[in-house]
Amino acid sequence: MEKVTRVGIDLGKHVYQVCGMDASGAVVFQRQVKSRRLMEMMSRIEPCLVGMEASCGAHYWVEKLSDLGHDGG
């Protein structure tokens, strides 16, 4: 798999859409992840820039993903 440098997360109520991109912007993976599995998946990805929409839940996820070394919000 190509090295993931950016991840975009569309936060839903129970299922999130997650897209990983490499340095050139090419999509490396795109999948749906249940909210309880997001941290497990993100812990397997090297620290990178993460983007998601501004929402109440985003503040929680930024803090949790920062603990794994990821940057952004």
PDB file of N, CA and C in Angstrom:
ATOM      1  N   MET A   1       0.850  -1.178   0.000  1.00  0.00           N
ATOM      2  CA  MET A   1       0.000   0.000   0.000  1.00  0.00           C
ATOM      3  C   MET A   1       0.893   1.237   0.000  1.00  0.00           C
ATOM      4  N   GLU A   2       0.476   2.251  -0.742  1.00  0.00           N
ATOM      5  CA  GLU A   2       1.188   3.525  -0.763  1.00  0.00           C
ATOM      6  C   GLU A   2       1.143   4.159   0.624  1.00  0.00           C
ATOM      7  N   LYS A   3       2.122   5.008   0.907  1.00  0.00           N
ATOM      8  CA  LYS A   3       2.154   5.687   2.199  1.00  0.00           C
ATOM      9  C   LYS A   3       1.033   6.724   2.263  1.00  0.00           C
ATOM     10  N   VAL A   4       0.214   6.628   3.275  1.00  0.00           N
ATOM     11  CA  VAL A   4      -0.892   7.567   3.480  1.00  0.00           C
ATOM     12  C   VAL A   4      -0.334   8.829   4.134  1.00  0.00           C
ATOM     13  N   THR A   5      -0.577   9.980   3.501  1.00  0.00           N
ATOM     14  CA  THR A   5      -0.107  11.254   4.058  1.00  0.00           C
ATOM     15  C   THR A   5      -1.260  12.129   4.532  1.00  0.00           C
ATOM     16  N   ARG A   6      -2.467  11.833   4.045  1.00  0.00           N
ATOM     17  CA  ARG A   6      -3.660  12.591   4.443  1.00  0.00           C
ATOM     18  C   ARG A   6      -4.851  11.665   4.555  1.00  0.00           C
ATOM     19  N   VAL A   7      -5.710  11.951   5.524  1.00  0.00           N
ATOM     20  CA  VAL A   7      -6.936  11.175   5.707  1.00  0.00           C
ATOM     21  C   VAL A   7      -8.094  12.160   5.866  1.00  0.00           C
ATOM     22  N   GLY A   8      -9.160  11.913   5.140  1.00  0.00           N
ATOM     23  CA  GLY A   8     -10.384  12.688   5.286  1.00  0.00           C
ATOM     24  C   GLY A   8     -11.448  11.816   5.929  1.00  0.00           C
ATOM     25  N   ILE A   9     -12.150  12.384   6.903  1.00  0.00           N
ATOM     26  CA  ILE A   9     -13.178  11.624   7.609  1.00  0.00           C
ATOM     27  C   ILE A   9     -14.488  12.397   7.557  1.00  0.00           C
ATOM     28  N   ASP A  10     -15.527  11.734   7.058  1.00  0.00           N
ATOM     29  CA  ASP A  10     -16.879  12.288   7.074  1.00  0.00           C
ATOM     30  C   ASP A  10     -17.586  11.647   8.256  1.00  0.00           C
ATOM     31  N   LEU A  11     -17.818  12.439   9.286  1.00  0.00           N
ATOM     32  CA  LEU A  11     -18.405  11.924  10.518  1.00  0.00           C
ATOM     33  C   LEU A  11     -19.905  11.733  10.350  1.00  0.00           C
ATOM     34  N   GLY A  12     -20.369  10.561  10.671  1.00  0.00           N
ATOM     35  CA  GLY A  12     -21.795  10.255  10.680  1.00  0.00           C
ATOM     36  C   GLY A  12     -22.202   9.925  12.104  1.00  0.00           C
ATOM     37  N   LYS A  13     -23.407   9.438  12.264  1.00  0.00           N
ATOM     38  CA  LYS A  13     -23.853   9.104  13.609  1.00  0.00           C
ATOM     39  C   LYS A  13     -23.237   7.792  14.093  1.00  0.00           C
ATOM     40  N   HIS A  14     -23.255   6.764  13.256  1.00  0.00           N
ATOM     41  CA  HIS A  14     -22.707   5.464  13.644  1.00  0.00           C
ATOM     42  C   HIS A  14     -21.655   4.944  12.676  1.00  0.00           C
ATOM     43  N   VAL A  15     -21.685   5.443  11.433  1.00  0.00           N
ATOM     44  CA  VAL A  15     -20.753   4.986  10.400  1.00  0.00           C
ATOM     45  C   VAL A  15     -20.049   6.196   9.812  1.00  0.00           C
ATOM     46  N   TYR A  16     -18.724   6.098   9.674  1.00  0.00           N
ATOM     47  CA  TYR A  16     -17.917   7.180   9.124  1.00  0.00           C
ATOM     48  C   TYR A  16     -17.353   6.746   7.779  1.00  0.00           C
ATOM     49  N   GLN A  17     -17.266   7.672   6.845  1.00  0.00           N
ATOM     50  CA  GLN A  17     -16.619   7.431   5.566  1.00  0.00           C
ATOM     51  C   GLN A  17     -15.193   7.944   5.703  1.00  0.00           C
ATOM     52  N   VAL A  18     -14.200   7.091   5.425  1.00  0.00           N
ATOM     53  CA  VAL A  18     -12.797   7.439   5.609  1.00  0.00           C
ATOM     54  C   VAL A  18     -12.078   7.255   4.284  1.00  0.00           C
ATOM     55  N   CYS A  19     -11.281   8.269   3.907  1.00  0.00           N
ATOM     56  CA  CYS A  19     -10.544   8.246   2.653  1.00  0.00           C
ATOM     57  C   CYS A  19      -9.088   8.591   2.942  1.00  0.00           C
ATOM     58  N   GLY A  20      -8.167   7.730   2.522  1.00  0.00           N
ATOM     59  CA  GLY A  20      -6.742   7.981   2.699  1.00  0.00           C
ATOM     60  C   GLY A  20      -6.098   8.311   1.365  1.00  0.00           C
ATOM     61  N   MET A  21      -5.203   9.312   1.356  1.00  0.00           N
ATOM     62  CA  MET A  21      -4.530   9.749   0.133  1.00  0.00           C
ATOM     63  C   MET A  21      -3.024   9.740   0.323  1.00  0.00           C
ATOM     64  N   ASP A  22      -2.298   9.565  -0.785  1.00  0.00           N
ATOM     65  CA  ASP A  22      -0.845   9.626  -0.724  1.00  0.00           C
ATOM     66  C   ASP A  22      -0.386  11.060  -0.991  1.00  0.00           C
ATOM     67  N   ALA A  23       0.919  11.274  -1.074  1.00  0.00           N
ATOM     68  CA  ALA A  23       1.473  12.620  -1.238  1.00  0.00           C
ATOM     69  C   ALA A  23       1.041  13.293  -2.537  1.00  0.00           C
ATOM     70  N   SER A  24       0.749  12.502  -3.563  1.00  0.00           N
ATOM     71  CA  SER A  24       0.327  13.088  -4.843  1.00  0.00           C
ATOM     72  C   SER A  24      -1.166  13.381  -4.888  1.00  0.00           C
ATOM     73  N   GLY A  25      -1.905  12.972  -3.857  1.00  0.00           N
ATOM     74  CA  GLY A  25      -3.345  13.191  -3.813  1.00  0.00           C
ATOM     75  C   GLY A  25      -4.161  12.025  -4.341  1.00  0.00           C
ATOM     76  N   ALA A  26      -3.472  10.956  -4.723  1.00  0.00           N
ATOM     77  CA  ALA A  26      -4.180   9.765  -5.214  1.00  0.00           C
ATOM     78  C   ALA A  26      -4.818   9.025  -4.042  1.00  0.00           C
ATOM     79  N   VAL A  27      -6.029   8.523  -4.255  1.00  0.00           N
ATOM     80  CA  VAL A  27      -6.742   7.798  -3.206  1.00  0.00           C
ATOM     81  C   VAL A  27      -6.087   6.427  -3.022  1.00  0.00           C
ATOM     82  N   VAL A  28      -5.673   6.146  -1.793  1.00  0.00           N
ATOM     83  CA  VAL A  28      -5.050   4.879  -1.435  1.00  0.00           C
ATOM     84  C   VAL A  28      -6.110   3.905  -0.930  1.00  0.00           C
ATOM     85  N   PHE A  29      -7.050   4.416  -0.143  1.00  0.00           N
ATOM     86  CA  PHE A  29      -8.162   3.587   0.319  1.00  0.00           C
ATOM     87  C   PHE A  29      -9.366   4.467   0.574  1.00  0.00           C
ATOM     88  N   GLN A  30     -10.529   3.853   0.525  1.00  0.00           N
ATOM     89  CA  GLN A  30     -11.785   4.526   0.836  1.00  0.00           C
ATOM     90  C   GLN A  30     -12.709   3.468   1.401  1.00  0.00           C
ATOM     91  N   ARG A  31     -13.187   3.688   2.612  1.00  0.00           N
ATOM     92  CA  ARG A  31     -14.052   2.670   3.226  1.00  0.00           C
ATOM     93  C   ARG A  31     -14.965   3.290   4.276  1.00  0.00           C
ATOM     94  N   GLN A  32     -15.986   2.537   4.614  1.00  0.00           N
ATOM     95  CA  GLN A  32     -16.873   2.910   5.711  1.00  0.00           C
ATOM     96  C   GLN A  32     -16.380   2.211   6.964  1.00  0.00           C
ATOM     97  N   VAL A  33     -16.395   2.950   8.066  1.00  0.00           N
ATOM     98  CA  VAL A  33     -15.921   2.404   9.343  1.00  0.00           C
ATOM     99  C   VAL A  33     -16.946   2.740  10.409  1.00  0.00           C
ATOM    100  N   LYS A  34     -17.326   1.747  11.184  1.00  0.00           N
ATOM    101  CA  LYS A  34     -18.212   2.026  12.319  1.00  0.00           C
ATOM    102  C   LYS A  34     -17.446   2.848  13.342  1.00  0.00           C
ATOM    103  N   SER A  35     -18.142   3.714  14.041  1.00  0.00           N
ATOM    104  CA  SER A  35     -17.489   4.652  14.958  1.00  0.00           C
ATOM    105  C   SER A  35     -16.616   3.947  15.993  1.00  0.00           C
ATOM    106  N   ARG A  36     -17.016   2.797  16.452  1.00  0.00           N
ATOM    107  CA  ARG A  36     -16.233   2.103  17.474  1.00  0.00           C
ATOM    108  C   ARG A  36     -14.939   1.521  16.915  1.00  0.00           C
ATOM    109  N   ARG A  37     -14.798   1.425  15.586  1.00  0.00           N
ATOM    110  CA  ARG A  37     -13.602   0.862  14.953  1.00  0.00           C
ATOM    111  C   ARG A  37     -12.643   1.929  14.403  1.00  0.00           C
ATOM    112  N   LEU A  38     -13.037   3.203  14.476  1.00  0.00           N
ATOM    113  CA  LEU A  38     -12.216   4.257  13.889  1.00  0.00           C
ATOM    114  C   LEU A  38     -10.828   4.340  14.535  1.00  0.00           C
ATOM    115  N   MET A  39     -10.754   4.303  15.842  1.00  0.00           N
ATOM    116  CA  MET A  39      -9.459   4.401  16.521  1.00  0.00           C
ATOM    117  C   MET A  39      -8.568   3.217  16.175  1.00  0.00           C
ATOM    118  N   GLU A  40      -9.145   2.042  16.080  1.00  0.00           N
ATOM    119  CA  GLU A  40      -8.376   0.852  15.716  1.00  0.00           C
ATOM    120  C   GLU A  40      -7.752   1.023  14.331  1.00  0.00           C
ATOM    121  N   MET A  41      -8.548   1.498  13.377  1.00  0.00           N
ATOM    122  CA  MET A  41      -8.053   1.698  12.024  1.00  0.00           C
ATOM    123  C   MET A  41      -6.981   2.787  11.989  1.00  0.00           C
ATOM    124  N   MET A  42      -7.222   3.900  12.654  1.00  0.00           N
ATOM    125  CA  MET A  42      -6.283   5.023  12.627  1.00  0.00           C
ATOM    126  C   MET A  42      -4.982   4.706  13.358  1.00  0.00           C
ATOM    127  N   SER A  43      -5.022   3.787  14.301  1.00  0.00           N
ATOM    128  CA  SER A  43      -3.796   3.412  15.007  1.00  0.00           C
ATOM    129  C   SER A  43      -2.850   2.619  14.100  1.00  0.00           C
ATOM    130  N   ARG A  44      -3.370   2.044  13.021  1.00  0.00           N
ATOM    131  CA  ARG A  44      -2.549   1.278  12.076  1.00  0.00           C
ATOM    132  C   ARG A  44      -1.949   2.146  10.975  1.00  0.00           C
ATOM    133  N   ILE A  45      -2.340   3.419  10.932  1.00  0.00           N
ATOM    134  CA  ILE A  45      -1.835   4.353   9.923  1.00  0.00           C
ATOM    135  C   ILE A  45      -0.773   5.228  10.575  1.00  0.00           C
ATOM    136  N   GLU A  46       0.347   5.423   9.880  1.00  0.00           N
ATOM    137  CA  GLU A  46       1.380   6.313  10.406  1.00  0.00           C
ATOM    138  C   GLU A  46       0.798   7.711  10.588  1.00  0.00           C
ATOM    139  N   PRO A  47       1.290   8.470  11.578  1.00  0.00           N
ATOM    140  CA  PRO A  47       0.766   9.822  11.800  1.00  0.00           C
ATOM    141  C   PRO A  47       0.751  10.639  10.510  1.00  0.00           C
ATOM    142  N   CYS A  48      -0.379  11.299  10.274  1.00  0.00           N
ATOM    143  CA  CYS A  48      -0.554  12.091   9.059  1.00  0.00           C
ATOM    144  C   CYS A  48      -1.532  13.223   9.333  1.00  0.00           C
ATOM    145  N   LEU A  49      -1.798  14.020   8.308  1.00  0.00           N
ATOM    146  CA  LEU A  49      -2.752  15.112   8.395  1.00  0.00           C
ATOM    147  C   LEU A  49      -4.161  14.544   8.247  1.00  0.00           C
ATOM    148  N   VAL A  50      -5.053  14.903   9.160  1.00  0.00           N
ATOM    149  CA  VAL A  50      -6.430  14.417   9.148  1.00  0.00           C
ATOM    150  C   VAL A  50      -7.370  15.611   9.031  1.00  0.00           C
ATOM    151  N   GLY A  51      -8.328  15.517   8.130  1.00  0.00           N
ATOM    152  CA  GLY A  51      -9.328  16.566   7.962  1.00  0.00           C
ATOM    153  C   GLY A  51     -10.728  16.014   8.160  1.00  0.00           C
ATOM    154  N   MET A  52     -11.565  16.816   8.800  1.00  0.00           N
ATOM    155  CA  MET A  52     -12.980  16.454   8.978  1.00  0.00           C
ATOM    156  C   MET A  52     -13.782  17.735   9.147  1.00  0.00           C
ATOM    157  N   GLU A  53     -15.080  17.625   8.966  1.00  0.00           N
ATOM    158  CA  GLU A  53     -15.904  18.822   9.083  1.00  0.00           C
ATOM    159  C   GLU A  53     -15.972  19.297  10.537  1.00  0.00           C
ATOM    160  N   ALA A  54     -16.252  20.576  10.683  1.00  0.00           N
ATOM    161  CA  ALA A  54     -16.380  21.136  12.021  1.00  0.00           C
ATOM    162  C   ALA A  54     -17.735  20.730  12.591  1.00  0.00           C
ATOM    163  N   SER A  55     -17.700  20.037  13.707  1.00  0.00           N
ATOM    164  CA  SER A  55     -18.925  19.630  14.392  1.00  0.00           C
ATOM    165  C   SER A  55     -18.581  19.377  15.855  1.00  0.00           C
ATOM    166  N   CYS A  56     -19.588  19.180  16.652  1.00  0.00           N
ATOM    167  CA  CYS A  56     -19.343  18.900  18.068  1.00  0.00           C
ATOM    168  C   CYS A  56     -18.505  17.639  18.235  1.00  0.00           C
ATOM    169  N   GLY A  57     -18.778  16.617  17.467  1.00  0.00           N
ATOM    170  CA  GLY A  57     -18.040  15.364  17.558  1.00  0.00           C
ATOM    171  C   GLY A  57     -16.605  15.483  17.077  1.00  0.00           C
ATOM    172  N   ALA A  58     -16.337  16.439  16.192  1.00  0.00           N
ATOM    173  CA  ALA A  58     -14.991  16.599  15.647  1.00  0.00           C
ATOM    174  C   ALA A  58     -13.991  16.949  16.740  1.00  0.00           C
ATOM    175  N   HIS A  59     -14.394  17.745  17.713  1.00  0.00           N
ATOM    176  CA  HIS A  59     -13.481  18.121  18.809  1.00  0.00           C
ATOM    177  C   HIS A  59     -13.018  16.879  19.568  1.00  0.00           C
ATOM    178  N   TYR A  60     -13.921  15.970  19.805  1.00  0.00           N
ATOM    179  CA  TYR A  60     -13.584  14.718  20.490  1.00  0.00           C
ATOM    180  C   TYR A  60     -12.571  13.926  19.671  1.00  0.00           C
ATOM    181  N   TRP A  61     -12.858  13.777  18.349  1.00  0.00           N
ATOM    182  CA  TRP A  61     -11.996  12.965  17.508  1.00  0.00           C
ATOM    183  C   TRP A  61     -10.623  13.591  17.295  1.00  0.00           C
ATOM    184  N   VAL A  62     -10.551  14.903  17.203  1.00  0.00           N
ATOM    185  CA  VAL A  62      -9.247  15.564  17.063  1.00  0.00           C
ATOM    186  C   VAL A  62      -8.372  15.254  18.267  1.00  0.00           C
ATOM    187  N   GLU A  63      -8.942  15.302  19.435  1.00  0.00           N
ATOM    188  CA  GLU A  63      -8.178  14.994  20.657  1.00  0.00           C
ATOM    189  C   GLU A  63      -7.705  13.552  20.662  1.00  0.00           C
ATOM    190  N   LYS A  64      -8.603  12.627  20.313  1.00  0.00           N
ATOM    191  CA  LYS A  64      -8.243  11.213  20.302  1.00  0.00           C
ATOM    192  C   LYS A  64      -7.192  10.906  19.230  1.00  0.00           C
ATOM    193  N   LEU A  65      -7.352  11.469  18.036  1.00  0.00           N
ATOM    194  CA  LEU A  65      -6.403  11.213  16.952  1.00  0.00           C
ATOM    195  C   LEU A  65      -5.060  11.883  17.223  1.00  0.00           C
ATOM    196  N   SER A  66      -5.077  13.009  17.908  1.00  0.00           N
ATOM    197  CA  SER A  66      -3.823  13.664  18.304  1.00  0.00           C
ATOM    198  C   SER A  66      -3.022  12.774  19.247  1.00  0.00           C
ATOM    199  N   ASP A  67      -3.700  12.035  20.097  1.00  0.00           N
ATOM    200  CA  ASP A  67      -3.013  11.099  21.002  1.00  0.00           C
ATOM    201  C   ASP A  67      -2.263  10.025  20.214  1.00  0.00           C
ATOM    202  N   LEU A  68      -2.706   9.736  18.984  1.00  0.00           N
ATOM    203  CA  LEU A  68      -2.027   8.752  18.136  1.00  0.00           C
ATOM    204  C   LEU A  68      -0.935   9.399  17.291  1.00  0.00           C
ATOM    205  N   GLY A  69      -0.789  10.738  17.384  1.00  0.00           N
ATOM    206  CA  GLY A  69       0.242  11.435  16.632  1.00  0.00           C
ATOM    207  C   GLY A  69      -0.244  12.101  15.361  1.00  0.00           C
ATOM    208  N   HIS A  70      -1.535  11.951  15.042  1.00  0.00           N
ATOM    209  CA  HIS A  70      -2.087  12.570  13.847  1.00  0.00           C
ATOM    210  C   HIS A  70      -2.250  14.078  14.059  1.00  0.00           C
ATOM    211  N   ASP A  71      -2.278  14.820  12.960  1.00  0.00           N
ATOM    212  CA  ASP A  71      -2.365  16.283  12.999  1.00  0.00           C
ATOM    213  C   ASP A  71      -3.592  16.744  12.232  1.00  0.00           C
ATOM    214  N   GLY A  72      -4.235  17.765  12.715  1.00  0.00           N
ATOM    215  CA  GLY A  72      -5.332  18.360  11.969  1.00  0.00           C
ATOM    216  C   GLY A  72      -6.631  18.378  12.717  1.00  0.00           C
ATOM    217  N   GLY A  73      -7.699  18.504  11.971  1.00  0.00           N
ATOM    218  CA  GLY A  73      -9.009  18.566  12.579  1.00  0.00           C
ATOM    219  C   GLY A  73     -10.048  19.022  11.648  1.00  0.00           C
TER     220      GLY A  73
END
